[in-house]
mmCIF file of all heavy atoms, coordinates in Angstrom:
data_MODEL
# 
_entry.id   MODEL 
# 
loop_
_atom_site.group_PDB 
_atom_site.id 
_atom_site.type_symbol 
_atom_site.label_atom_id 
_atom_site.label_alt_id 
_atom_site.label_comp_id 
_atom_site.label_asym_id 
_atom_site.label_entity_id 
_atom_site.label_seq_id 
_atom_site.pdbx_PDB_ins_code 
_atom_site.Cartn_x 
_atom_site.Cartn_y 
_atom_site.Cartn_z 
_atom_site.occupancy 
_atom_site.B_iso_or_equiv 
_atom_site.pdbx_formal_charge 
_atom_site.auth_seq_id 
_atom_site.auth_comp_id 
_atom_site.auth_asym_id 
_atom_site.auth_atom_id 
_atom_site.pdbx_PDB_model_num 
ATOM 1   N N   . ASP A 1 1  ? -3.406 -7.215  2.564   1.00 0.00 ? 1  ASP A N   1 
ATOM 2   C CA  . ASP A 1 1  ? -1.995 -7.512  2.262   1.00 0.00 ? 1  ASP A CA  1 
ATOM 3   C C   . ASP A 1 1  ? -1.380 -6.459  1.341   1.00 0.00 ? 1  ASP A C   1 
ATOM 4   O O   . ASP A 1 1  ? -0.180 -6.229  1.365   1.00 0.00 ? 1  ASP A O   1 
ATOM 5   C CB  . ASP A 1 1  ? -1.849 -8.918  1.663   1.00 0.00 ? 1  ASP A CB  1 
ATOM 6   C CG  . ASP A 1 1  ? -2.678 -9.132  0.398   1.00 0.00 ? 1  ASP A CG  1 
ATOM 7   O OD1 . ASP A 1 1  ? -3.612 -8.335  0.137   1.00 0.00 ? 1  ASP A OD1 1 
ATOM 8   O OD2 . ASP A 1 1  ? -2.416 -10.117 -0.322  1.00 0.00 ? 1  ASP A OD2 1 
ATOM 9   N N   . ILE A 1 2  ? -2.231 -5.811  0.534   1.00 0.00 ? 2  ILE A N   1 
ATOM 10  C CA  . ILE A 1 2  ? -1.761 -4.768  -0.389  1.00 0.00 ? 2  ILE A CA  1 
ATOM 11  C C   . ILE A 1 2  ? -2.594 -3.518  -0.158  1.00 0.00 ? 2  ILE A C   1 
ATOM 12  O O   . ILE A 1 2  ? -3.829 -3.573  -0.158  1.00 0.00 ? 2  ILE A O   1 
ATOM 13  C CB  . ILE A 1 2  ? -1.909 -5.204  -1.869  1.00 0.00 ? 2  ILE A CB  1 
ATOM 14  C CG1 . ILE A 1 2  ? -1.120 -6.488  -2.150  1.00 0.00 ? 2  ILE A CG1 1 
ATOM 15  C CG2 . ILE A 1 2  ? -1.444 -4.078  -2.813  1.00 0.00 ? 2  ILE A CG2 1 
ATOM 16  C CD1 . ILE A 1 2  ? -1.421 -7.111  -3.514  1.00 0.00 ? 2  ILE A CD1 1 
ATOM 17  N N   . THR A 1 3  ? -1.922 -2.379  0.041   1.00 0.00 ? 3  THR A N   1 
ATOM 18  C CA  . THR A 1 3  ? -2.625 -1.098  0.155   1.00 0.00 ? 3  THR A CA  1 
ATOM 19  C C   . THR A 1 3  ? -2.189 -0.206  -0.992  1.00 0.00 ? 3  THR A C   1 
ATOM 20  O O   . THR A 1 3  ? -0.996 0.067   -1.167  1.00 0.00 ? 3  THR A O   1 
ATOM 21  C CB  . THR A 1 3  ? -2.321 -0.400  1.496   1.00 0.00 ? 3  THR A CB  1 
ATOM 22  O OG1 . THR A 1 3  ? -2.760 -1.246  2.557   1.00 0.00 ? 3  THR A OG1 1 
ATOM 23  C CG2 . THR A 1 3  ? -3.039 0.932   1.590   1.00 0.00 ? 3  THR A CG2 1 
ATOM 24  N N   . VAL A 1 4  ? -3.168 0.230   -1.786  1.00 0.00 ? 4  VAL A N   1 
ATOM 25  C CA  . VAL A 1 4  ? -2.921 1.131   -2.913  1.00 0.00 ? 4  VAL A CA  1 
ATOM 26  C C   . VAL A 1 4  ? -3.145 2.560   -2.432  1.00 0.00 ? 4  VAL A C   1 
ATOM 27  O O   . VAL A 1 4  ? -4.213 2.886   -1.913  1.00 0.00 ? 4  VAL A O   1 
ATOM 28  C CB  . VAL A 1 4  ? -3.859 0.806   -4.095  1.00 0.00 ? 4  VAL A CB  1 
ATOM 29  C CG1 . VAL A 1 4  ? -3.654 1.808   -5.232  1.00 0.00 ? 4  VAL A CG1 1 
ATOM 30  C CG2 . VAL A 1 4  ? -3.618 -0.624  -4.586  1.00 0.00 ? 4  VAL A CG2 1 
ATOM 31  N N   . LEU A 1 5  ? -2.120 3.389   -2.579  1.00 0.00 ? 5  LEU A N   1 
ATOM 32  C CA  . LEU A 1 5  ? -2.225 4.795   -2.215  1.00 0.00 ? 5  LEU A CA  1 
ATOM 33  C C   . LEU A 1 5  ? -2.329 5.605   -3.502  1.00 0.00 ? 5  LEU A C   1 
ATOM 34  O O   . LEU A 1 5  ? -1.354 5.734   -4.250  1.00 0.00 ? 5  LEU A O   1 
ATOM 35  C CB  . LEU A 1 5  ? -1.010 5.221   -1.382  1.00 0.00 ? 5  LEU A CB  1 
ATOM 36  C CG  . LEU A 1 5  ? -0.852 4.476   -0.046  1.00 0.00 ? 5  LEU A CG  1 
ATOM 37  C CD1 . LEU A 1 5  ? 0.472  4.806   0.603   1.00 0.00 ? 5  LEU A CD1 1 
ATOM 38  C CD2 . LEU A 1 5  ? -1.992 4.806   0.899   1.00 0.00 ? 5  LEU A CD2 1 
ATOM 39  N N   . ASP A 1 6  ? -3.540 6.092   -3.779  1.00 0.00 ? 6  ASP A N   1 
ATOM 40  C CA  . ASP A 1 6  ? -3.847 6.834   -5.006  1.00 0.00 ? 6  ASP A CA  1 
ATOM 41  C C   . ASP A 1 6  ? -3.474 8.297   -4.772  1.00 0.00 ? 6  ASP A C   1 
ATOM 42  O O   . ASP A 1 6  ? -4.188 9.036   -4.096  1.00 0.00 ? 6  ASP A O   1 
ATOM 43  C CB  . ASP A 1 6  ? -5.349 6.656   -5.294  1.00 0.00 ? 6  ASP A CB  1 
ATOM 44  C CG  . ASP A 1 6  ? -5.823 7.429   -6.519  1.00 0.00 ? 6  ASP A CG  1 
ATOM 45  O OD1 . ASP A 1 6  ? -5.077 8.299   -7.002  1.00 0.00 ? 6  ASP A OD1 1 
ATOM 46  O OD2 . ASP A 1 6  ? -6.947 7.160   -6.969  1.00 0.00 ? 6  ASP A OD2 1 
ATOM 47  N N   . ILE A 1 7  ? -2.307 8.696   -5.307  1.00 0.00 ? 7  ILE A N   1 
ATOM 48  C CA  . ILE A 1 7  ? -1.775 10.043  -5.069  1.00 0.00 ? 7  ILE A CA  1 
ATOM 49  C C   . ILE A 1 7  ? -1.433 10.692  -6.418  1.00 0.00 ? 7  ILE A C   1 
ATOM 50  O O   . ILE A 1 7  ? -0.474 10.299  -7.079  1.00 0.00 ? 7  ILE A O   1 
ATOM 51  C CB  . ILE A 1 7  ? -0.507 9.983   -4.169  1.00 0.00 ? 7  ILE A CB  1 
ATOM 52  C CG1 . ILE A 1 7  ? -0.825 9.265   -2.844  1.00 0.00 ? 7  ILE A CG1 1 
ATOM 53  C CG2 . ILE A 1 7  ? 0.041  11.384  -3.925  1.00 0.00 ? 7  ILE A CG2 1 
ATOM 54  C CD1 . ILE A 1 7  ? 0.361  9.073   -1.926  1.00 0.00 ? 7  ILE A CD1 1 
ATOM 55  N N   . PRO A 1 8  ? -2.224 11.701  -6.845  1.00 0.00 ? 8  PRO A N   1 
ATOM 56  C CA  . PRO A 1 8  ? -1.966 12.323  -8.153  1.00 0.00 ? 8  PRO A CA  1 
ATOM 57  C C   . PRO A 1 8  ? -0.531 12.836  -8.308  1.00 0.00 ? 8  PRO A C   1 
ATOM 58  O O   . PRO A 1 8  ? 0.084  12.653  -9.354  1.00 0.00 ? 8  PRO A O   1 
ATOM 59  C CB  . PRO A 1 8  ? -2.975 13.479  -8.186  1.00 0.00 ? 8  PRO A CB  1 
ATOM 60  C CG  . PRO A 1 8  ? -4.079 13.053  -7.284  1.00 0.00 ? 8  PRO A CG  1 
ATOM 61  C CD  . PRO A 1 8  ? -3.423 12.255  -6.184  1.00 0.00 ? 8  PRO A CD  1 
ATOM 62  N N   . LEU A 1 9  ? 0.013  13.486  -7.260  1.00 0.00 ? 9  LEU A N   1 
ATOM 63  C CA  . LEU A 1 9  ? 1.369  14.052  -7.345  1.00 0.00 ? 9  LEU A CA  1 
ATOM 64  C C   . LEU A 1 9  ? 2.378  13.146  -6.631  1.00 0.00 ? 9  LEU A C   1 
ATOM 65  O O   . LEU A 1 9  ? 3.232  13.608  -5.872  1.00 0.00 ? 9  LEU A O   1 
ATOM 66  C CB  . LEU A 1 9  ? 1.384  15.467  -6.754  1.00 0.00 ? 9  LEU A CB  1 
ATOM 67  C CG  . LEU A 1 9  ? 0.441  16.464  -7.443  1.00 0.00 ? 9  LEU A CG  1 
ATOM 68  C CD1 . LEU A 1 9  ? 0.444  17.795  -6.723  1.00 0.00 ? 9  LEU A CD1 1 
ATOM 69  C CD2 . LEU A 1 9  ? 0.806  16.656  -8.911  1.00 0.00 ? 9  LEU A CD2 1 
ATOM 70  N N   . LEU A 1 10 ? 2.288  11.844  -6.897  1.00 0.00 ? 10 LEU A N   1 
ATOM 71  C CA  . LEU A 1 10 ? 3.131  10.840  -6.240  1.00 0.00 ? 10 LEU A CA  1 
ATOM 72  C C   . LEU A 1 10 ? 4.615  11.148  -6.404  1.00 0.00 ? 10 LEU A C   1 
ATOM 73  O O   . LEU A 1 10 ? 5.367  11.202  -5.425  1.00 0.00 ? 10 LEU A O   1 
ATOM 74  C CB  . LEU A 1 10 ? 2.823  9.454   -6.827  1.00 0.00 ? 10 LEU A CB  1 
ATOM 75  C CG  . LEU A 1 10 ? 3.611  8.279   -6.259  1.00 0.00 ? 10 LEU A CG  1 
ATOM 76  C CD1 . LEU A 1 10 ? 3.086  7.901   -4.879  1.00 0.00 ? 10 LEU A CD1 1 
ATOM 77  C CD2 . LEU A 1 10 ? 3.537  7.071   -7.183  1.00 0.00 ? 10 LEU A CD2 1 
ATOM 78  N N   . PHE A 1 11 ? 5.046  11.356  -7.648  1.00 0.00 ? 11 PHE A N   1 
ATOM 79  C CA  . PHE A 1 11 ? 6.471  11.611  -7.908  1.00 0.00 ? 11 PHE A CA  1 
ATOM 80  C C   . PHE A 1 11 ? 6.834  13.065  -7.613  1.00 0.00 ? 11 PHE A C   1 
ATOM 81  O O   . PHE A 1 11 ? 7.887  13.343  -7.040  1.00 0.00 ? 11 PHE A O   1 
ATOM 82  C CB  . PHE A 1 11 ? 6.817  11.261  -9.356  1.00 0.00 ? 11 PHE A CB  1 
ATOM 83  C CG  . PHE A 1 11 ? 6.680  9.788   -9.661  1.00 0.00 ? 11 PHE A CG  1 
ATOM 84  C CD1 . PHE A 1 11 ? 5.775  9.344   -10.616 1.00 0.00 ? 11 PHE A CD1 1 
ATOM 85  C CD2 . PHE A 1 11 ? 7.428  8.839   -8.976  1.00 0.00 ? 11 PHE A CD2 1 
ATOM 86  C CE1 . PHE A 1 11 ? 5.632  7.986   -10.893 1.00 0.00 ? 11 PHE A CE1 1 
ATOM 87  C CE2 . PHE A 1 11 ? 7.295  7.484   -9.239  1.00 0.00 ? 11 PHE A CE2 1 
ATOM 88  C CZ  . PHE A 1 11 ? 6.397  7.059   -10.200 1.00 0.00 ? 11 PHE A CZ  1 
ATOM 89  N N   . GLU A 1 12 ? 5.938  13.993  -7.976  1.00 0.00 ? 12 GLU A N   1 
ATOM 90  C CA  . GLU A 1 12 ? 6.216  15.414  -7.751  1.00 0.00 ? 12 GLU A CA  1 
ATOM 91  C C   . GLU A 1 12 ? 6.417  15.708  -6.266  1.00 0.00 ? 12 GLU A C   1 
ATOM 92  O O   . GLU A 1 12 ? 7.258  16.528  -5.897  1.00 0.00 ? 12 GLU A O   1 
ATOM 93  C CB  . GLU A 1 12 ? 5.055  16.277  -8.284  1.00 0.00 ? 12 GLU A CB  1 
ATOM 94  C CG  . GLU A 1 12 ? 4.898  16.262  -9.796  1.00 0.00 ? 12 GLU A CG  1 
ATOM 95  C CD  . GLU A 1 12 ? 3.952  15.185  -10.305 1.00 0.00 ? 12 GLU A CD  1 
ATOM 96  O OE1 . GLU A 1 12 ? 3.809  14.123  -9.633  1.00 0.00 ? 12 GLU A OE1 1 
ATOM 97  O OE2 . GLU A 1 12 ? 3.359  15.374  -11.364 1.00 0.00 ? 12 GLU A OE2 1 
ATOM 98  N N   . GLY A 1 13 ? 5.636  15.020  -5.420  1.00 0.00 ? 13 GLY A N   1 
ATOM 99  C CA  . GLY A 1 13 ? 5.710  15.259  -3.975  1.00 0.00 ? 13 GLY A CA  1 
ATOM 100 C C   . GLY A 1 13 ? 6.719  14.383  -3.260  1.00 0.00 ? 13 GLY A C   1 
ATOM 101 O O   . GLY A 1 13 ? 6.880  14.476  -2.040  1.00 0.00 ? 13 GLY A O   1 
ATOM 102 N N   . GLY A 1 14 ? 7.393  13.499  -4.001  1.00 0.00 ? 14 GLY A N   1 
ATOM 103 C CA  . GLY A 1 14 ? 8.392  12.614  -3.397  1.00 0.00 ? 14 GLY A CA  1 
ATOM 104 C C   . GLY A 1 14 ? 7.788  11.467  -2.587  1.00 0.00 ? 14 GLY A C   1 
ATOM 105 O O   . GLY A 1 14 ? 8.483  10.801  -1.816  1.00 0.00 ? 14 GLY A O   1 
ATOM 106 N N   . PHE A 1 15 ? 6.478  11.209  -2.770  1.00 0.00 ? 15 PHE A N   1 
ATOM 107 C CA  . PHE A 1 15 ? 5.817  10.149  -1.997  1.00 0.00 ? 15 PHE A CA  1 
ATOM 108 C C   . PHE A 1 15 ? 6.245  8.750   -2.450  1.00 0.00 ? 15 PHE A C   1 
ATOM 109 O O   . PHE A 1 15 ? 6.040  7.781   -1.727  1.00 0.00 ? 15 PHE A O   1 
ATOM 110 C CB  . PHE A 1 15 ? 4.292  10.280  -2.101  1.00 0.00 ? 15 PHE A CB  1 
ATOM 111 C CG  . PHE A 1 15 ? 3.761  11.560  -1.527  1.00 0.00 ? 15 PHE A CG  1 
ATOM 112 C CD1 . PHE A 1 15 ? 3.308  12.574  -2.349  1.00 0.00 ? 15 PHE A CD1 1 
ATOM 113 C CD2 . PHE A 1 15 ? 3.744  11.768  -0.151  1.00 0.00 ? 15 PHE A CD2 1 
ATOM 114 C CE1 . PHE A 1 15 ? 2.833  13.764  -1.829  1.00 0.00 ? 15 PHE A CE1 1 
ATOM 115 C CE2 . PHE A 1 15 ? 3.272  12.956  0.383   1.00 0.00 ? 15 PHE A CE2 1 
ATOM 116 C CZ  . PHE A 1 15 ? 2.819  13.961  -0.455  1.00 0.00 ? 15 PHE A CZ  1 
ATOM 117 N N   . ASP A 1 16 ? 6.827  8.652   -3.649  1.00 0.00 ? 16 ASP A N   1 
ATOM 118 C CA  . ASP A 1 16 ? 7.277  7.348   -4.132  1.00 0.00 ? 16 ASP A CA  1 
ATOM 119 C C   . ASP A 1 16 ? 8.336  6.742   -3.200  1.00 0.00 ? 16 ASP A C   1 
ATOM 120 O O   . ASP A 1 16 ? 8.483  5.526   -3.123  1.00 0.00 ? 16 ASP A O   1 
ATOM 121 C CB  . ASP A 1 16 ? 7.811  7.445   -5.573  1.00 0.00 ? 16 ASP A CB  1 
ATOM 122 C CG  . ASP A 1 16 ? 8.878  8.521   -5.748  1.00 0.00 ? 16 ASP A CG  1 
ATOM 123 O OD1 . ASP A 1 16 ? 8.689  9.644   -5.231  1.00 0.00 ? 16 ASP A OD1 1 
ATOM 124 O OD2 . ASP A 1 16 ? 9.891  8.250   -6.412  1.00 0.00 ? 16 ASP A OD2 1 
ATOM 125 N N   . ALA A 1 17 ? 9.038  7.606   -2.448  1.00 0.00 ? 17 ALA A N   1 
ATOM 126 C CA  . ALA A 1 17 ? 10.096 7.126   -1.545  1.00 0.00 ? 17 ALA A CA  1 
ATOM 127 C C   . ALA A 1 17 ? 9.534  6.258   -0.416  1.00 0.00 ? 17 ALA A C   1 
ATOM 128 O O   . ALA A 1 17 ? 10.239 5.415   0.123   1.00 0.00 ? 17 ALA A O   1 
ATOM 129 C CB  . ALA A 1 17 ? 10.865 8.309   -0.959  1.00 0.00 ? 17 ALA A CB  1 
ATOM 130 N N   . MET A 1 18 ? 8.260  6.446   -0.050  1.00 0.00 ? 18 MET A N   1 
ATOM 131 C CA  . MET A 1 18 ? 7.674  5.666   1.038   1.00 0.00 ? 18 MET A CA  1 
ATOM 132 C C   . MET A 1 18 ? 6.971  4.402   0.546   1.00 0.00 ? 18 MET A C   1 
ATOM 133 O O   . MET A 1 18 ? 6.446  3.628   1.349   1.00 0.00 ? 18 MET A O   1 
ATOM 134 C CB  . MET A 1 18 ? 6.694  6.530   1.858   1.00 0.00 ? 18 MET A CB  1 
ATOM 135 C CG  . MET A 1 18 ? 5.462  6.967   1.102   1.00 0.00 ? 18 MET A CG  1 
ATOM 136 S SD  . MET A 1 18 ? 4.287  7.910   2.132   1.00 0.00 ? 18 MET A SD  1 
ATOM 137 C CE  . MET A 1 18 ? 3.425  6.583   2.960   1.00 0.00 ? 18 MET A CE  1 
ATOM 138 N N   . MET A 1 19 ? 6.971  4.176   -0.767  1.00 0.00 ? 19 MET A N   1 
ATOM 139 C CA  . MET A 1 19 ? 6.254  3.035   -1.349  1.00 0.00 ? 19 MET A CA  1 
ATOM 140 C C   . MET A 1 19 ? 7.174  1.826   -1.528  1.00 0.00 ? 19 MET A C   1 
ATOM 141 O O   . MET A 1 19 ? 8.377  1.963   -1.708  1.00 0.00 ? 19 MET A O   1 
ATOM 142 C CB  . MET A 1 19 ? 5.671  3.410   -2.718  1.00 0.00 ? 19 MET A CB  1 
ATOM 143 C CG  . MET A 1 19 ? 4.768  4.631   -2.712  1.00 0.00 ? 19 MET A CG  1 
ATOM 144 S SD  . MET A 1 19 ? 3.324  4.425   -1.674  1.00 0.00 ? 19 MET A SD  1 
ATOM 145 C CE  . MET A 1 19 ? 2.850  6.141   -1.459  1.00 0.00 ? 19 MET A CE  1 
ATOM 146 N N   . ASP A 1 20 ? 6.540  0.630   -1.536  1.00 0.00 ? 20 ASP A N   1 
ATOM 147 C CA  . ASP A 1 20 ? 7.282  -0.588  -1.885  1.00 0.00 ? 20 ASP A CA  1 
ATOM 148 C C   . ASP A 1 20 ? 7.407  -0.722  -3.401  1.00 0.00 ? 20 ASP A C   1 
ATOM 149 O O   . ASP A 1 20 ? 8.344  -1.341  -3.901  1.00 0.00 ? 20 ASP A O   1 
ATOM 150 C CB  . ASP A 1 20 ? 6.558  -1.816  -1.308  1.00 0.00 ? 20 ASP A CB  1 
ATOM 151 C CG  . ASP A 1 20 ? 6.583  -1.804  0.223   1.00 0.00 ? 20 ASP A CG  1 
ATOM 152 O OD1 . ASP A 1 20 ? 7.684  -1.667  0.791   1.00 0.00 ? 20 ASP A OD1 1 
ATOM 153 O OD2 . ASP A 1 20 ? 5.508  -1.907  0.843   1.00 0.00 ? 20 ASP A OD2 1 
ATOM 154 N N   . ALA A 1 21 ? 6.441  -0.150  -4.125  1.00 0.00 ? 21 ALA A N   1 
ATOM 155 C CA  . ALA A 1 21 ? 6.459  -0.159  -5.591  1.00 0.00 ? 21 ALA A CA  1 
ATOM 156 C C   . ALA A 1 21 ? 5.472  0.906   -6.064  1.00 0.00 ? 21 ALA A C   1 
ATOM 157 O O   . ALA A 1 21 ? 4.662  1.407   -5.273  1.00 0.00 ? 21 ALA A O   1 
ATOM 158 C CB  . ALA A 1 21 ? 6.080  -1.528  -6.133  1.00 0.00 ? 21 ALA A CB  1 
ATOM 159 N N   . THR A 1 22 ? 5.547  1.237   -7.361  1.00 0.00 ? 22 THR A N   1 
ATOM 160 C CA  . THR A 1 22 ? 4.659  2.276   -7.908  1.00 0.00 ? 22 THR A CA  1 
ATOM 161 C C   . THR A 1 22 ? 4.042  1.824   -9.228  1.00 0.00 ? 22 THR A C   1 
ATOM 162 O O   . THR A 1 22 ? 4.627  1.003   -9.952  1.00 0.00 ? 22 THR A O   1 
ATOM 163 C CB  . THR A 1 22 ? 5.418  3.597   -8.133  1.00 0.00 ? 22 THR A CB  1 
ATOM 164 O OG1 . THR A 1 22 ? 6.557  3.341   -8.976  1.00 0.00 ? 22 THR A OG1 1 
ATOM 165 C CG2 . THR A 1 22 ? 5.890  4.209   -6.825  1.00 0.00 ? 22 THR A CG2 1 
ATOM 166 N N   . VAL A 1 23 ? 2.867  2.382   -9.510  1.00 0.00 ? 23 VAL A N   1 
ATOM 167 C CA  . VAL A 1 23 ? 2.158  2.113   -10.769 1.00 0.00 ? 23 VAL A CA  1 
ATOM 168 C C   . VAL A 1 23 ? 1.796  3.446   -11.404 1.00 0.00 ? 23 VAL A C   1 
ATOM 169 O O   . VAL A 1 23 ? 1.273  4.339   -10.731 1.00 0.00 ? 23 VAL A O   1 
ATOM 170 C CB  . VAL A 1 23 ? 0.848  1.320   -10.526 1.00 0.00 ? 23 VAL A CB  1 
ATOM 171 C CG1 . VAL A 1 23 ? 0.065  1.173   -11.819 1.00 0.00 ? 23 VAL A CG1 1 
ATOM 172 C CG2 . VAL A 1 23 ? 1.134  -0.042  -9.934  1.00 0.00 ? 23 VAL A CG2 1 
ATOM 173 N N   . CYS A 1 24 ? 2.061  3.572   -12.688 1.00 0.00 ? 24 CYS A N   1 
ATOM 174 C CA  . CYS A 1 24 ? 1.624  4.747   -13.440 1.00 0.00 ? 24 CYS A CA  1 
ATOM 175 C C   . CYS A 1 24 ? 0.553  4.307   -14.439 1.00 0.00 ? 24 CYS A C   1 
ATOM 176 O O   . CYS A 1 24 ? 0.756  3.353   -15.191 1.00 0.00 ? 24 CYS A O   1 
ATOM 177 C CB  . CYS A 1 24 ? 2.797  5.382   -14.186 1.00 0.00 ? 24 CYS A CB  1 
ATOM 178 S SG  . CYS A 1 24 ? 2.289  6.726   -15.280 1.00 0.00 ? 24 CYS A SG  1 
# 
């Protein structure tokens, strides 16, 4: 039901746009 995508450059690469939510 929940998939965690562990991405070091999440914000730098703009990957946050494809997420439902983010954790720092």
